[in-house]
C-alpha atoms as a PDB file:
ATOM      1  CA  MET A   1     -38.690 187.059  10.274  1.00  0.00           C
ATOM      2  CA  TRP A   2     -41.693 184.744  10.543  1.00  0.00           C
ATOM      3  CA  ALA A   3     -42.498 186.278  13.939  1.00  0.00           C
ATOM      4  CA  ILE A   4     -42.743 189.649  12.219  1.00  0.00           C
ATOM      5  CA  VAL A   5     -45.081 188.140   9.618  1.00  0.00           C
ATOM      6  CA  ALA A   6     -47.200 186.705  12.427  1.00  0.00           C
ATOM      7  CA  ALA A   7     -47.352 190.046  14.223  1.00  0.00           C
ATOM      8  CA  PHE A   8     -48.566 191.722  11.049  1.00  0.00           C
ATOM      9  CA  GLY A   9     -51.071 188.921  10.492  1.00  0.00           C
ATOM     10  CA  ASP A  10     -52.416 189.443  14.007  1.00  0.00           C
ATOM     11  CA  ASN A  11     -52.799 193.168  13.225  1.00  0.00           C
ATOM     12  CA  LEU A  12     -50.097 194.140  15.711  1.00  0.00           C
ATOM     13  CA  ARG A  13     -48.712 196.641  13.242  1.00  0.00           C
ATOM     14  CA  ARG A  14     -46.872 198.877  15.699  1.00  0.00           C
ATOM     15  CA  SER A  15     -45.123 195.891  17.282  1.00  0.00           C
ATOM     16  CA  ALA A  16     -44.411 194.348  13.888  1.00  0.00           C
ATOM     17  CA  TYR A  17     -42.812 197.515  12.545  1.00  0.00           C
ATOM     18  CA  ALA A  18     -40.764 197.833  15.748  1.00  0.00           C
ATOM     19  CA  LEU A  19     -39.542 194.252  15.300  1.00  0.00           C
ATOM     20  CA  ALA A  20     -38.759 194.983  11.656  1.00  0.00           C
ATOM     21  CA  GLU A  21     -36.770 198.036  12.669  1.00  0.00           C
ATOM     22  CA  ASP A  22     -34.873 195.992  15.263  1.00  0.00           C
ATOM     23  CA  ALA A  23     -34.085 193.488  12.506  1.00  0.00           C
ATOM     24  CA  ASP A  24     -32.697 196.330  10.331  1.00  0.00           C
ATOM     25  CA  LEU A  25     -35.325 195.816   7.652  1.00  0.00           C
ATOM     26  CA  THR A  26     -36.118 198.599   5.242  1.00  0.00           C
ATOM     27  CA  GLU A  27     -39.663 199.931   5.088  1.00  0.00           C
ATOM     28  CA  PRO A  28     -40.306 198.145   1.746  1.00  0.00           C
ATOM     29  CA  GLN A  29     -39.094 194.878   3.287  1.00  0.00           C
ATOM     30  CA  ALA A  30     -41.354 195.367   6.298  1.00  0.00           C
ATOM     31  CA  ASP A  31     -44.245 196.139   3.961  1.00  0.00           C
ATOM     32  CA  LYS A  32     -43.679 192.847   2.128  1.00  0.00           C
ATOM     33  CA  LEU A  33     -43.881 190.983   5.418  1.00  0.00           C
ATOM     34  CA  ALA A  34     -47.026 192.952   6.266  1.00  0.00           C
ATOM     35  CA  LEU A  35     -48.603 191.880   2.983  1.00  0.00           C
ATOM     36  CA  LEU A  36     -47.733 188.246   3.648  1.00  0.00           C
ATOM     37  CA  GLY A  37     -49.118 188.472   7.174  1.00  0.00           C
ATOM     38  CA  GLY A  38     -52.353 189.924   5.823  1.00  0.00           C
ATOM     39  CA  CYS A  39     -52.633 187.195   3.202  1.00  0.00           C
ATOM     40  CA  LEU A  40     -52.124 184.480   5.789  1.00  0.00           C
ATOM     41  CA  ASN A  41     -54.641 186.103   8.111  1.00  0.00           C
ATOM     42  CA  TYR A  42     -57.340 186.381   5.463  1.00  0.00           C
ATOM     43  CA  ASN A  43     -56.876 182.751   4.484  1.00  0.00           C
ATOM     44  CA  GLY A  44     -58.257 181.884   7.926  1.00  0.00           C
ATOM     45  CA  TYR A  45     -61.601 183.603   7.389  1.00  0.00           C
ATOM     46  CA  GLY A  46     -64.581 181.527   6.379  1.00  0.00           C
ATOM     47  CA  ASP A  47     -67.581 179.717   7.752  1.00  0.00           C
ATOM     48  CA  SER A  48     -65.951 176.361   7.020  1.00  0.00           C
ATOM     49  CA  LEU A  49     -62.648 174.908   5.845  1.00  0.00           C
ATOM     50  CA  GLU A  50     -64.105 174.715   2.357  1.00  0.00           C
ATOM     51  CA  ASP A  51     -64.343 178.527   2.308  1.00  0.00           C
ATOM     52  CA  LEU A  52     -60.580 178.878   2.683  1.00  0.00           C
ATOM     53  CA  HIS A  53     -58.247 179.019  -0.290  1.00  0.00           C
ATOM     54  CA  PHE A  54     -55.870 176.678   1.523  1.00  0.00           C
ATOM     55  CA  HIS A  55     -56.715 174.158   4.211  1.00  0.00           C
ATOM     56  CA  PRO A  56     -54.496 175.172   7.157  1.00  0.00           C
ATOM     57  CA  ALA A  57     -52.519 171.913   7.009  1.00  0.00           C
ATOM     58  CA  LYS A  58     -51.871 172.356   3.277  1.00  0.00           C
ATOM     59  CA  LEU A  59     -50.821 175.949   3.806  1.00  0.00           C
ATOM     60  CA  TYR A  60     -48.418 174.863   6.524  1.00  0.00           C
ATOM     61  CA  GLN A  61     -46.967 172.268   4.140  1.00  0.00           C
ATOM     62  CA  ALA A  62     -46.502 174.970   1.501  1.00  0.00           C
ATOM     63  CA  MET A  63     -44.770 177.284   3.969  1.00  0.00           C
ATOM     64  CA  GLU A  64     -42.695 174.803   5.981  1.00  0.00           C
ATOM     65  CA  PRO A  65     -39.804 174.472   3.484  1.00  0.00           C
ATOM     66  CA  TYR A  66     -39.141 178.220   3.652  1.00  0.00           C
ATOM     67  CA  ALA A  67     -37.032 179.332   6.590  1.00  0.00           C
ATOM     68  CA  ASP A  68     -37.101 182.855   5.153  1.00  0.00           C
ATOM     69  CA  PRO A  69     -40.454 184.497   4.420  1.00  0.00           C
ATOM     70  CA  PHE A  70     -38.845 186.636   1.720  1.00  0.00           C
ATOM     71  CA  VAL A  71     -37.967 183.461  -0.182  1.00  0.00           C
ATOM     72  CA  PHE A  72     -41.547 182.221   0.322  1.00  0.00           C
ATOM     73  CA  ILE A  73     -42.801 185.504  -1.151  1.00  0.00           C
ATOM     74  CA  ALA A  74     -40.404 185.284  -4.098  1.00  0.00           C
ATOM     75  CA  LYS A  75     -40.726 181.602  -4.958  1.00  0.00           C
ATOM     76  CA  SER A  76     -43.888 180.054  -3.597  1.00  0.00           C
ATOM     77  CA  PRO A  77     -46.913 179.594  -5.845  1.00  0.00           C
ATOM     78  CA  ALA A  78     -48.930 179.491  -2.610  1.00  0.00           C
ATOM     79  CA  PHE A  79     -48.089 183.139  -1.933  1.00  0.00           C
ATOM     80  CA  ILE A  80     -49.273 184.156  -5.397  1.00  0.00           C
ATOM     81  CA  ALA A  81     -52.536 182.290  -4.810  1.00  0.00           C
ATOM     82  CA  LEU A  82     -53.024 183.942  -1.413  1.00  0.00           C
ATOM     83  CA  LEU A  83     -52.274 187.367  -2.844  1.00  0.00           C
ATOM     84  CA  ARG A  84     -54.680 186.829  -5.720  1.00  0.00           C
ATOM     85  CA  ASP A  85     -57.414 185.861  -3.261  1.00  0.00           C
ATOM     86  CA  LEU A  86     -56.735 188.899  -1.106  1.00  0.00           C
ATOM     87  CA  MET A  87     -56.842 191.174  -4.136  1.00  0.00           C
ATOM     88  CA  MET A  88     -60.201 189.693  -5.172  1.00  0.00           C
ATOM     89  CA  ILE A  89     -61.616 190.421  -1.703  1.00  0.00           C
ATOM     90  CA  PHE A  90     -60.703 194.100  -1.964  1.00  0.00           C
ATOM     91  CA  ALA A  91     -61.415 194.538  -5.689  1.00  0.00           C
END
């Protein structure tokens, strides 16, 4: 599932949706992984590490306990913070 998230984050949407279909995910499930991939991608944009919401090492530490990205989405405060940042960018 994390590979699907990564594909979405790398803007490989066609490949990501094909992987999601192969994994028997519903469209809403695939869309959740797409949102997570986008959030993770946008965290990497900035002129310096200080511009990021999460330092990459801290973000890895927040994600590492979650073998399932759906559980990360449902339970991780880091996801909520990433989503909030993404929403502020596009507000």
